[in-house]
Amino acid sequence: MQPIFARHDIRASKKIRPITAGGMWKAIKLRIEEAGVERSAVRLHDFRHYFVTMTYLAKGNLKLSQELARHESTNTTNRYAHLGNEVNEAYDEIFNKDP
């Protein structure tokens, strides 16, 4: 199984290597600073919740979301998936608006 996030730096060469938690946080911190967002407003774990929610909303398949998030149980995936009218409306506003 390949990593969800792979390194593409020169030290990784042509091999597929996973990004470490420290490397991921470093990249996110840089983007937080570029966006001018308070660092305390962003929790790394929120990205997992977002990923599961968006995967489910895009495909409508909780089992697929479970597999992609590498959860052993759909109960765990259910806790990560933030579903409801507000989430559905936000998804439509972001991804289904006319150009």
PDB file of N, CA and C in Angstrom:
ATOM      1  N   MET A   1       0.846  -1.175   0.000  1.00  0.00           N
ATOM      2  CA  MET A   1       0.000   0.000   0.000  1.00  0.00           C
ATOM      3  C   MET A   1       0.894   1.242   0.000  1.00  0.00           C
ATOM      4  N   GLN A   2       0.549   2.207  -0.835  1.00  0.00           N
ATOM      5  CA  GLN A   2       1.337   3.422  -0.915  1.00  0.00           C
ATOM      6  C   GLN A   2       0.834   4.453   0.092  1.00  0.00           C
ATOM      7  N   PRO A   3       1.705   5.374   0.496  1.00  0.00           N
ATOM      8  CA  PRO A   3       1.285   6.397   1.458  1.00  0.00           C
ATOM      9  C   PRO A   3       0.275   7.355   0.832  1.00  0.00           C
ATOM     10  N   ILE A   4      -0.609   7.908   1.665  1.00  0.00           N
ATOM     11  CA  ILE A   4      -1.578   8.890   1.174  1.00  0.00           C
ATOM     12  C   ILE A   4      -0.847  10.142   0.717  1.00  0.00           C
ATOM     13  N   PHE A   5       0.139  10.578   1.494  1.00  0.00           N
ATOM     14  CA  PHE A   5       0.934  11.745   1.136  1.00  0.00           C
ATOM     15  C   PHE A   5       2.360  11.274   0.881  1.00  0.00           C
ATOM     16  N   ALA A   6       2.884  11.561  -0.298  1.00  0.00           N
ATOM     17  CA  ALA A   6       4.225  11.117  -0.656  1.00  0.00           C
ATOM     18  C   ALA A   6       5.153  12.308  -0.789  1.00  0.00           C
ATOM     19  N   ARG A   7       6.414  12.067  -0.470  1.00  0.00           N
ATOM     20  CA  ARG A   7       7.432  13.108  -0.600  1.00  0.00           C
ATOM     21  C   ARG A   7       7.852  13.224  -2.052  1.00  0.00           C
ATOM     22  N   HIS A   8       8.139  14.446  -2.451  1.00  0.00           N
ATOM     23  CA  HIS A   8       8.623  14.689  -3.803  1.00  0.00           C
ATOM     24  C   HIS A   8       9.867  15.562  -3.785  1.00  0.00           C
ATOM     25  N   ASP A   9      10.596  15.529  -2.673  1.00  0.00           N
ATOM     26  CA  ASP A   9      11.795  16.352  -2.589  1.00  0.00           C
ATOM     27  C   ASP A   9      12.971  15.602  -3.214  1.00  0.00           C
ATOM     28  N   ILE A  10      14.062  16.299  -3.412  1.00  0.00           N
ATOM     29  CA  ILE A  10      15.226  15.727  -4.082  1.00  0.00           C
ATOM     30  C   ILE A  10      15.831  14.558  -3.301  1.00  0.00           C
ATOM     31  N   ARG A  11      15.713  14.595  -1.970  1.00  0.00           N
ATOM     32  CA  ARG A  11      16.274  13.507  -1.164  1.00  0.00           C
ATOM     33  C   ARG A  11      15.469  12.220  -1.294  1.00  0.00           C
ATOM     34  N   ALA A  12      14.210  12.321  -1.689  1.00  0.00           N
ATOM     35  CA  ALA A  12      13.394  11.117  -1.849  1.00  0.00           C
ATOM     36  C   ALA A  12      13.758  10.399  -3.141  1.00  0.00           C
ATOM     37  N   SER A  13      14.452  11.072  -4.034  1.00  0.00           N
ATOM     38  CA  SER A  13      14.836  10.580  -5.371  1.00  0.00           C
ATOM     39  C   SER A  13      13.593  10.070  -6.085  1.00  0.00           C
ATOM     40  N   LYS A  14      13.679   8.933  -6.738  1.00  0.00           N
ATOM     41  CA  LYS A  14      12.535   8.414  -7.483  1.00  0.00           C
ATOM     42  C   LYS A  14      11.691   7.468  -6.646  1.00  0.00           C
ATOM     43  N   LYS A  15      12.094   7.239  -5.408  1.00  0.00           N
ATOM     44  CA  LYS A  15      11.343   6.349  -4.531  1.00  0.00           C
ATOM     45  C   LYS A  15      10.119   7.069  -3.970  1.00  0.00           C
ATOM     46  N   ILE A  16       9.094   6.302  -3.680  1.00  0.00           N
ATOM     47  CA  ILE A  16       7.912   6.854  -3.015  1.00  0.00           C
ATOM     48  C   ILE A  16       8.140   6.691  -1.528  1.00  0.00           C
ATOM     49  N   ARG A  17       8.230   7.811  -0.839  1.00  0.00           N
ATOM     50  CA  ARG A  17       8.455   7.785   0.597  1.00  0.00           C
ATOM     51  C   ARG A  17       7.353   8.576   1.283  1.00  0.00           C
ATOM     52  N   PRO A  18       6.892   8.080   2.416  1.00  0.00           N
ATOM     53  CA  PRO A  18       5.833   8.816   3.117  1.00  0.00           C
ATOM     54  C   PRO A  18       6.364  10.102   3.729  1.00  0.00           C
ATOM     55  N   ILE A  19       5.472  11.063   3.855  1.00  0.00           N
ATOM     56  CA  ILE A  19       5.799  12.302   4.550  1.00  0.00           C
ATOM     57  C   ILE A  19       5.665  12.032   6.038  1.00  0.00           C
ATOM     58  N   THR A  20       6.599  12.505   6.799  1.00  0.00           N
ATOM     59  CA  THR A  20       6.511  12.343   8.255  1.00  0.00           C
ATOM     60  C   THR A  20       5.519  13.368   8.813  1.00  0.00           C
ATOM     61  N   ALA A  21       5.044  13.109  10.012  1.00  0.00           N
ATOM     62  CA  ALA A  21       4.130  14.059  10.660  1.00  0.00           C
ATOM     63  C   ALA A  21       4.798  15.425  10.797  1.00  0.00           C
ATOM     64  N   GLY A  22       6.089  15.421  11.140  1.00  0.00           N
ATOM     65  CA  GLY A  22       6.818  16.682  11.274  1.00  0.00           C
ATOM     66  C   GLY A  22       6.927  17.426   9.953  1.00  0.00           C
ATOM     67  N   GLY A  23       7.153  16.685   8.879  1.00  0.00           N
ATOM     68  CA  GLY A  23       7.244  17.300   7.557  1.00  0.00           C
ATOM     69  C   GLY A  23       5.912  17.877   7.106  1.00  0.00           C
ATOM     70  N   MET A  24       4.832  17.168   7.419  1.00  0.00           N
ATOM     71  CA  MET A  24       3.499  17.645   7.060  1.00  0.00           C
ATOM     72  C   MET A  24       3.177  18.916   7.847  1.00  0.00           C
ATOM     73  N   TRP A  25       3.466  18.906   9.145  1.00  0.00           N
ATOM     74  CA  TRP A  25       3.179  20.082   9.971  1.00  0.00           C
ATOM     75  C   TRP A  25       3.999  21.281   9.500  1.00  0.00           C
ATOM     76  N   LYS A  26       5.250  21.049   9.102  1.00  0.00           N
ATOM     77  CA  LYS A  26       6.097  22.136   8.608  1.00  0.00           C
ATOM     78  C   LYS A  26       5.478  22.763   7.351  1.00  0.00           C
ATOM     79  N   ALA A  27       4.995  21.926   6.426  1.00  0.00           N
ATOM     80  CA  ALA A  27       4.370  22.435   5.198  1.00  0.00           C
ATOM     81  C   ALA A  27       3.091  23.206   5.509  1.00  0.00           C
ATOM     82  N   ILE A  28       2.307  22.696   6.448  1.00  0.00           N
ATOM     83  CA  ILE A  28       1.058  23.361   6.811  1.00  0.00           C
ATOM     84  C   ILE A  28       1.345  24.690   7.513  1.00  0.00           C
ATOM     85  N   LYS A  29       2.332  24.719   8.405  1.00  0.00           N
ATOM     86  CA  LYS A  29       2.692  25.961   9.081  1.00  0.00           C
ATOM     87  C   LYS A  29       3.074  27.045   8.074  1.00  0.00           C
ATOM     88  N   LEU A  30       3.811  26.652   7.046  1.00  0.00           N
ATOM     89  CA  LEU A  30       4.203  27.608   6.016  1.00  0.00           C
ATOM     90  C   LEU A  30       2.967  28.188   5.326  1.00  0.00           C
ATOM     91  N   ARG A  31       2.014  27.340   4.994  1.00  0.00           N
ATOM     92  CA  ARG A  31       0.785  27.806   4.333  1.00  0.00           C
ATOM     93  C   ARG A  31      -0.060  28.668   5.265  1.00  0.00           C
ATOM     94  N   ILE A  32      -0.068  28.332   6.555  1.00  0.00           N
ATOM     95  CA  ILE A  32      -0.802  29.128   7.542  1.00  0.00           C
ATOM     96  C   ILE A  32      -0.224  30.538   7.585  1.00  0.00           C
ATOM     97  N   GLU A  33       1.104  30.630   7.623  1.00  0.00           N
ATOM     98  CA  GLU A  33       1.766  31.932   7.650  1.00  0.00           C
ATOM     99  C   GLU A  33       1.482  32.714   6.375  1.00  0.00           C
ATOM    100  N   GLU A  34       1.543  32.021   5.216  1.00  0.00           N
ATOM    101  CA  GLU A  34       1.274  32.687   3.936  1.00  0.00           C
ATOM    102  C   GLU A  34      -0.151  33.227   3.879  1.00  0.00           C
ATOM    103  N   ALA A  35      -1.089  32.503   4.486  1.00  0.00           N
ATOM    104  CA  ALA A  35      -2.497  32.912   4.468  1.00  0.00           C
ATOM    105  C   ALA A  35      -2.810  33.957   5.525  1.00  0.00           C
ATOM    106  N   GLY A  36      -1.882  34.182   6.461  1.00  0.00           N
ATOM    107  CA  GLY A  36      -2.112  35.157   7.517  1.00  0.00           C
ATOM    108  C   GLY A  36      -3.123  34.688   8.554  1.00  0.00           C
ATOM    109  N   VAL A  37      -3.232  33.390   8.736  1.00  0.00           N
ATOM    110  CA  VAL A  37      -4.168  32.814   9.705  1.00  0.00           C
ATOM    111  C   VAL A  37      -3.435  32.567  11.013  1.00  0.00           C
ATOM    112  N   GLU A  38      -4.142  32.773  12.126  1.00  0.00           N
ATOM    113  CA  GLU A  38      -3.556  32.487  13.437  1.00  0.00           C
ATOM    114  C   GLU A  38      -3.231  31.003  13.540  1.00  0.00           C
ATOM    115  N   ARG A  39      -2.030  30.677  13.937  1.00  0.00           N
ATOM    116  CA  ARG A  39      -1.606  29.275  14.041  1.00  0.00           C
ATOM    117  C   ARG A  39      -2.472  28.489  15.020  1.00  0.00           C
ATOM    118  N   SER A  40      -2.918  29.132  16.085  1.00  0.00           N
ATOM    119  CA  SER A  40      -3.736  28.441  17.086  1.00  0.00           C
ATOM    120  C   SER A  40      -5.115  28.070  16.552  1.00  0.00           C
ATOM    121  N   ALA A  41      -5.520  28.646  15.417  1.00  0.00           N
ATOM    122  CA  ALA A  41      -6.830  28.351  14.834  1.00  0.00           C
ATOM    123  C   ALA A  41      -6.816  27.070  13.997  1.00  0.00           C
ATOM    124  N   VAL A  42      -5.643  26.515  13.756  1.00  0.00           N
ATOM    125  CA  VAL A  42      -5.528  25.340  12.900  1.00  0.00           C
ATOM    126  C   VAL A  42      -4.982  24.161  13.697  1.00  0.00           C
ATOM    127  N   ARG A  43      -5.746  23.071  13.691  1.00  0.00           N
ATOM    128  CA  ARG A  43      -5.283  21.833  14.320  1.00  0.00           C
ATOM    129  C   ARG A  43      -5.050  20.817  13.214  1.00  0.00           C
ATOM    130  N   LEU A  44      -3.923  20.179  13.215  1.00  0.00           N
ATOM    131  CA  LEU A  44      -3.568  19.224  12.174  1.00  0.00           C
ATOM    132  C   LEU A  44      -4.613  18.128  12.039  1.00  0.00           C
ATOM    133  N   HIS A  45      -5.164  17.686  13.157  1.00  0.00           N
ATOM    134  CA  HIS A  45      -6.137  16.595  13.136  1.00  0.00           C
ATOM    135  C   HIS A  45      -7.432  17.003  12.414  1.00  0.00           C
ATOM    136  N   ASP A  46      -7.724  18.283  12.335  1.00  0.00           N
ATOM    137  CA  ASP A  46      -8.915  18.744  11.619  1.00  0.00           C
ATOM    138  C   ASP A  46      -8.868  18.355  10.143  1.00  0.00           C
ATOM    139  N   PHE A  47      -7.677  18.205   9.602  1.00  0.00           N
ATOM    140  CA  PHE A  47      -7.556  17.815   8.201  1.00  0.00           C
ATOM    141  C   PHE A  47      -8.107  16.405   7.966  1.00  0.00           C
ATOM    142  N   ARG A  48      -7.946  15.518   8.943  1.00  0.00           N
ATOM    143  CA  ARG A  48      -8.519  14.166   8.813  1.00  0.00           C
ATOM    144  C   ARG A  48     -10.040  14.222   8.805  1.00  0.00           C
ATOM    145  N   HIS A  49     -10.608  15.050   9.674  1.00  0.00           N
ATOM    146  CA  HIS A  49     -12.064  15.209   9.692  1.00  0.00           C
ATOM    147  C   HIS A  49     -12.548  15.765   8.355  1.00  0.00           C
ATOM    148  N   TYR A  50     -11.864  16.775   7.859  1.00  0.00           N
ATOM    149  CA  TYR A  50     -12.225  17.385   6.578  1.00  0.00           C
ATOM    150  C   TYR A  50     -12.125  16.369   5.449  1.00  0.00           C
ATOM    151  N   PHE A  51     -11.045  15.605   5.416  1.00  0.00           N
ATOM    152  CA  PHE A  51     -10.833  14.612   4.370  1.00  0.00           C
ATOM    153  C   PHE A  51     -11.967  13.591   4.343  1.00  0.00           C
ATOM    154  N   VAL A  52     -12.319  13.052   5.501  1.00  0.00           N
ATOM    155  CA  VAL A  52     -13.384  12.043   5.563  1.00  0.00           C
ATOM    156  C   VAL A  52     -14.715  12.656   5.143  1.00  0.00           C
ATOM    157  N   THR A  53     -15.007  13.846   5.632  1.00  0.00           N
ATOM    158  CA  THR A  53     -16.276  14.495   5.294  1.00  0.00           C
ATOM    159  C   THR A  53     -16.368  14.763   3.796  1.00  0.00           C
ATOM    160  N   MET A  54     -15.331  15.340   3.218  1.00  0.00           N
ATOM    161  CA  MET A  54     -15.363  15.672   1.790  1.00  0.00           C
ATOM    162  C   MET A  54     -15.386  14.416   0.915  1.00  0.00           C
ATOM    163  N   THR A  55     -14.678  13.377   1.335  1.00  0.00           N
ATOM    164  CA  THR A  55     -14.695  12.123   0.584  1.00  0.00           C
ATOM    165  C   THR A  55     -16.098  11.544   0.569  1.00  0.00           C
ATOM    166  N   TYR A  56     -16.747  11.561   1.729  1.00  0.00           N
ATOM    167  CA  TYR A  56     -18.102  11.023   1.795  1.00  0.00           C
ATOM    168  C   TYR A  56     -19.058  11.870   0.956  1.00  0.00           C
ATOM    169  N   LEU A  57     -18.973  13.192   1.078  1.00  0.00           N
ATOM    170  CA  LEU A  57     -19.886  14.056   0.325  1.00  0.00           C
ATOM    171  C   LEU A  57     -19.665  13.934  -1.183  1.00  0.00           C
ATOM    172  N   ALA A  58     -18.424  13.754  -1.591  1.00  0.00           N
ATOM    173  CA  ALA A  58     -18.125  13.654  -3.026  1.00  0.00           C
ATOM    174  C   ALA A  58     -18.591  12.335  -3.619  1.00  0.00           C
ATOM    175  N   LYS A  59     -18.466  11.254  -2.859  1.00  0.00           N
ATOM    176  CA  LYS A  59     -18.769   9.930  -3.406  1.00  0.00           C
ATOM    177  C   LYS A  59     -20.015   9.285  -2.807  1.00  0.00           C
ATOM    178  N   GLY A  60     -20.470   9.772  -1.641  1.00  0.00           N
ATOM    179  CA  GLY A  60     -21.643   9.195  -0.999  1.00  0.00           C
ATOM    180  C   GLY A  60     -21.449   7.752  -0.568  1.00  0.00           C
ATOM    181  N   ASN A  61     -20.212   7.402  -0.237  1.00  0.00           N
ATOM    182  CA  ASN A  61     -19.892   6.013   0.082  1.00  0.00           C
ATOM    183  C   ASN A  61     -19.042   5.993   1.356  1.00  0.00           C
ATOM    184  N   LEU A  62     -19.687   5.658   2.477  1.00  0.00           N
ATOM    185  CA  LEU A  62     -18.976   5.656   3.753  1.00  0.00           C
ATOM    186  C   LEU A  62     -17.879   4.600   3.786  1.00  0.00           C
ATOM    187  N   LYS A  63     -18.116   3.458   3.155  1.00  0.00           N
ATOM    188  CA  LYS A  63     -17.122   2.377   3.127  1.00  0.00           C
ATOM    189  C   LYS A  63     -15.856   2.856   2.402  1.00  0.00           C
ATOM    190  N   LEU A  64     -16.024   3.565   1.306  1.00  0.00           N
ATOM    191  CA  LEU A  64     -14.875   4.108   0.578  1.00  0.00           C
ATOM    192  C   LEU A  64     -14.128   5.115   1.449  1.00  0.00           C
ATOM    193  N   SER A  65     -14.865   5.973   2.129  1.00  0.00           N
ATOM    194  CA  SER A  65     -14.237   6.940   3.036  1.00  0.00           C
ATOM    195  C   SER A  65     -13.452   6.220   4.120  1.00  0.00           C
ATOM    196  N   GLN A  66     -14.023   5.145   4.640  1.00  0.00           N
ATOM    197  CA  GLN A  66     -13.358   4.345   5.671  1.00  0.00           C
ATOM    198  C   GLN A  66     -12.041   3.782   5.143  1.00  0.00           C
ATOM    199  N   GLU A  67     -12.076   3.231   3.947  1.00  0.00           N
ATOM    200  CA  GLU A  67     -10.860   2.632   3.373  1.00  0.00           C
ATOM    201  C   GLU A  67      -9.799   3.685   3.101  1.00  0.00           C
ATOM    202  N   LEU A  68     -10.206   4.828   2.553  1.00  0.00           N
ATOM    203  CA  LEU A  68      -9.235   5.879   2.242  1.00  0.00           C
ATOM    204  C   LEU A  68      -8.622   6.489   3.495  1.00  0.00           C
ATOM    205  N   ALA A  69      -9.413   6.558   4.568  1.00  0.00           N
ATOM    206  CA  ALA A  69      -8.902   7.095   5.830  1.00  0.00           C
ATOM    207  C   ALA A  69      -8.147   6.037   6.625  1.00  0.00           C
ATOM    208  N   ARG A  70      -8.214   4.808   6.150  1.00  0.00           N
ATOM    209  CA  ARG A  70      -7.551   3.669   6.797  1.00  0.00           C
ATOM    210  C   ARG A  70      -8.069   3.424   8.207  1.00  0.00           C
ATOM    211  N   HIS A  71      -9.384   3.579   8.370  1.00  0.00           N
ATOM    212  CA  HIS A  71     -10.021   3.243   9.639  1.00  0.00           C
ATOM    213  C   HIS A  71     -10.396   1.769   9.635  1.00  0.00           C
ATOM    214  N   GLU A  72     -10.277   1.118  10.772  1.00  0.00           N
ATOM    215  CA  GLU A  72     -10.668  -0.283  10.872  1.00  0.00           C
ATOM    216  C   GLU A  72     -12.179  -0.437  10.928  1.00  0.00           C
ATOM    217  N   SER A  73     -12.868   0.555  11.449  1.00  0.00           N
ATOM    218  CA  SER A  73     -14.302   0.453  11.669  1.00  0.00           C
ATOM    219  C   SER A  73     -15.036   1.645  11.054  1.00  0.00           C
ATOM    220  N   THR A  74     -16.240   1.376  10.513  1.00  0.00           N
ATOM    221  CA  THR A  74     -17.047   2.488  10.013  1.00  0.00           C
ATOM    222  C   THR A  74     -17.539   3.362  11.163  1.00  0.00           C
ATOM    223  N   ASN A  75     -17.547   2.825  12.384  1.00  0.00           N
ATOM    224  CA  ASN A  75     -17.910   3.652  13.542  1.00  0.00           C
ATOM    225  C   ASN A  75     -16.929   4.809  13.702  1.00  0.00           C
ATOM    226  N   THR A  76     -15.658   4.529  13.505  1.00  0.00           N
ATOM    227  CA  THR A  76     -14.640   5.584  13.574  1.00  0.00           C
ATOM    228  C   THR A  76     -14.873   6.597  12.459  1.00  0.00           C
ATOM    229  N   THR A  77     -15.122   6.093  11.260  1.00  0.00           N
ATOM    230  CA  THR A  77     -15.351   6.970  10.110  1.00  0.00           C
ATOM    231  C   THR A  77     -16.575   7.852  10.345  1.00  0.00           C
ATOM    232  N   ASN A  78     -17.618   7.290  10.927  1.00  0.00           N
ATOM    233  CA  ASN A  78     -18.816   8.071  11.246  1.00  0.00           C
ATOM    234  C   ASN A  78     -18.505   9.228  12.180  1.00  0.00           C
ATOM    235  N   ARG A  79     -17.612   9.013  13.135  1.00  0.00           N
ATOM    236  CA  ARG A  79     -17.239  10.088  14.060  1.00  0.00           C
ATOM    237  C   ARG A  79     -16.477  11.197  13.343  1.00  0.00           C
ATOM    238  N   TYR A  80     -15.750  10.841  12.304  1.00  0.00           N
ATOM    239  CA  TYR A  80     -14.975  11.822  11.548  1.00  0.00           C
ATOM    240  C   TYR A  80     -15.813  12.577  10.522  1.00  0.00           C
ATOM    241  N   ALA A  81     -16.852  11.945  10.019  1.00  0.00           N
ATOM    242  CA  ALA A  81     -17.684  12.554   8.976  1.00  0.00           C
ATOM    243  C   ALA A  81     -18.674  13.516   9.599  1.00  0.00           C
ATOM    244  N   HIS A  82     -18.514  14.783   9.318  1.00  0.00           N
ATOM    245  CA  HIS A  82     -19.415  15.807   9.839  1.00  0.00           C
ATOM    246  C   HIS A  82     -20.460  16.089   8.774  1.00  0.00           C
ATOM    247  N   LEU A  83     -21.602  15.445   8.934  1.00  0.00           N
ATOM    248  CA  LEU A  83     -22.638  15.531   7.916  1.00  0.00           C
ATOM    249  C   LEU A  83     -23.856  16.266   8.453  1.00  0.00           C
ATOM    250  N   GLY A  84     -24.601  16.831   7.553  1.00  0.00           N
ATOM    251  CA  GLY A  84     -25.804  17.562   7.926  1.00  0.00           C
ATOM    252  C   GLY A  84     -26.070  18.646   6.911  1.00  0.00           C
ATOM    253  N   ASN A  85     -27.161  19.326   7.068  1.00  0.00           N
ATOM    254  CA  ASN A  85     -27.559  20.345   6.092  1.00  0.00           C
ATOM    255  C   ASN A  85     -26.518  21.440   5.924  1.00  0.00           C
ATOM    256  N   GLU A  86     -25.956  21.909   7.021  1.00  0.00           N
ATOM    257  CA  GLU A  86     -24.968  22.989   6.943  1.00  0.00           C
ATOM    258  C   GLU A  86     -23.742  22.543   6.150  1.00  0.00           C
ATOM    259  N   VAL A  87     -23.272  21.322   6.386  1.00  0.00           N
ATOM    260  CA  VAL A  87     -22.114  20.800   5.666  1.00  0.00           C
ATOM    261  C   VAL A  87     -22.455  20.626   4.190  1.00  0.00           C
ATOM    262  N   ASN A  88     -23.633  20.075   3.901  1.00  0.00           N
ATOM    263  CA  ASN A  88     -24.038  19.878   2.511  1.00  0.00           C
ATOM    264  C   ASN A  88     -24.127  21.205   1.762  1.00  0.00           C
ATOM    265  N   GLU A  89     -24.687  22.214   2.419  1.00  0.00           N
ATOM    266  CA  GLU A  89     -24.791  23.535   1.797  1.00  0.00           C
ATOM    267  C   GLU A  89     -23.412  24.136   1.546  1.00  0.00           C
ATOM    268  N   ALA A  90     -22.504  23.997   2.505  1.00  0.00           N
ATOM    269  CA  ALA A  90     -21.147  24.524   2.334  1.00  0.00           C
ATOM    270  C   ALA A  90     -20.437  23.808   1.192  1.00  0.00           C
ATOM    271  N   TYR A  91     -20.613  22.490   1.109  1.00  0.00           N
ATOM    272  CA  TYR A  91     -19.987  21.722   0.032  1.00  0.00           C
ATOM    273  C   TYR A  91     -20.491  22.218  -1.321  1.00  0.00           C
ATOM    274  N   ASP A  92     -21.809  22.361  -1.448  1.00  0.00           N
ATOM    275  CA  ASP A  92     -22.379  22.838  -2.715  1.00  0.00           C
ATOM    276  C   ASP A  92     -21.874  24.224  -3.065  1.00  0.00           C
ATOM    277  N   GLU A  93     -21.785  25.090  -2.056  1.00  0.00           N
ATOM    278  CA  GLU A  93     -21.338  26.461  -2.292  1.00  0.00           C
ATOM    279  C   GLU A  93     -19.897  26.482  -2.797  1.00  0.00           C
ATOM    280  N   ILE A  94     -19.061  25.622  -2.228  1.00  0.00           N
ATOM    281  CA  ILE A  94     -17.639  25.608  -2.588  1.00  0.00           C
ATOM    282  C   ILE A  94     -17.394  24.886  -3.909  1.00  0.00           C
ATOM    283  N   PHE A  95     -17.994  23.700  -4.073  1.00  0.00           N
ATOM    284  CA  PHE A  95     -17.612  22.850  -5.192  1.00  0.00           C
ATOM    285  C   PHE A  95     -18.600  22.820  -6.351  1.00  0.00           C
ATOM    286  N   ASN A  96     -19.830  23.273  -6.153  1.00  0.00           N
ATOM    287  CA  ASN A  96     -20.826  23.163  -7.215  1.00  0.00           C
ATOM    288  C   ASN A  96     -21.344  24.498  -7.700  1.00  0.00           C
ATOM    289  N   LYS A  97     -20.639  25.579  -7.387  1.00  0.00           N
ATOM    290  CA  LYS A  97     -21.107  26.871  -7.844  1.00  0.00           C
ATOM    291  C   LYS A  97     -20.735  27.066  -9.315  1.00  0.00           C
ATOM    292  N   ASP A  98     -21.576  27.821 -10.002  1.00  0.00           N
ATOM    293  CA  ASP A  98     -21.335  28.091 -11.424  1.00  0.00           C
ATOM    294  C   ASP A  98     -20.142  29.012 -11.592  1.00  0.00           C
ATOM    295  N   PRO A  99     -19.331  28.748 -12.631  1.00  0.00           N
ATOM    296  CA  PRO A  99     -18.139  29.595 -12.853  1.00  0.00           C
ATOM    297  C   PRO A  99     -18.487  30.986 -13.295  1.00  0.00           C
TER     298      PRO A  99
END
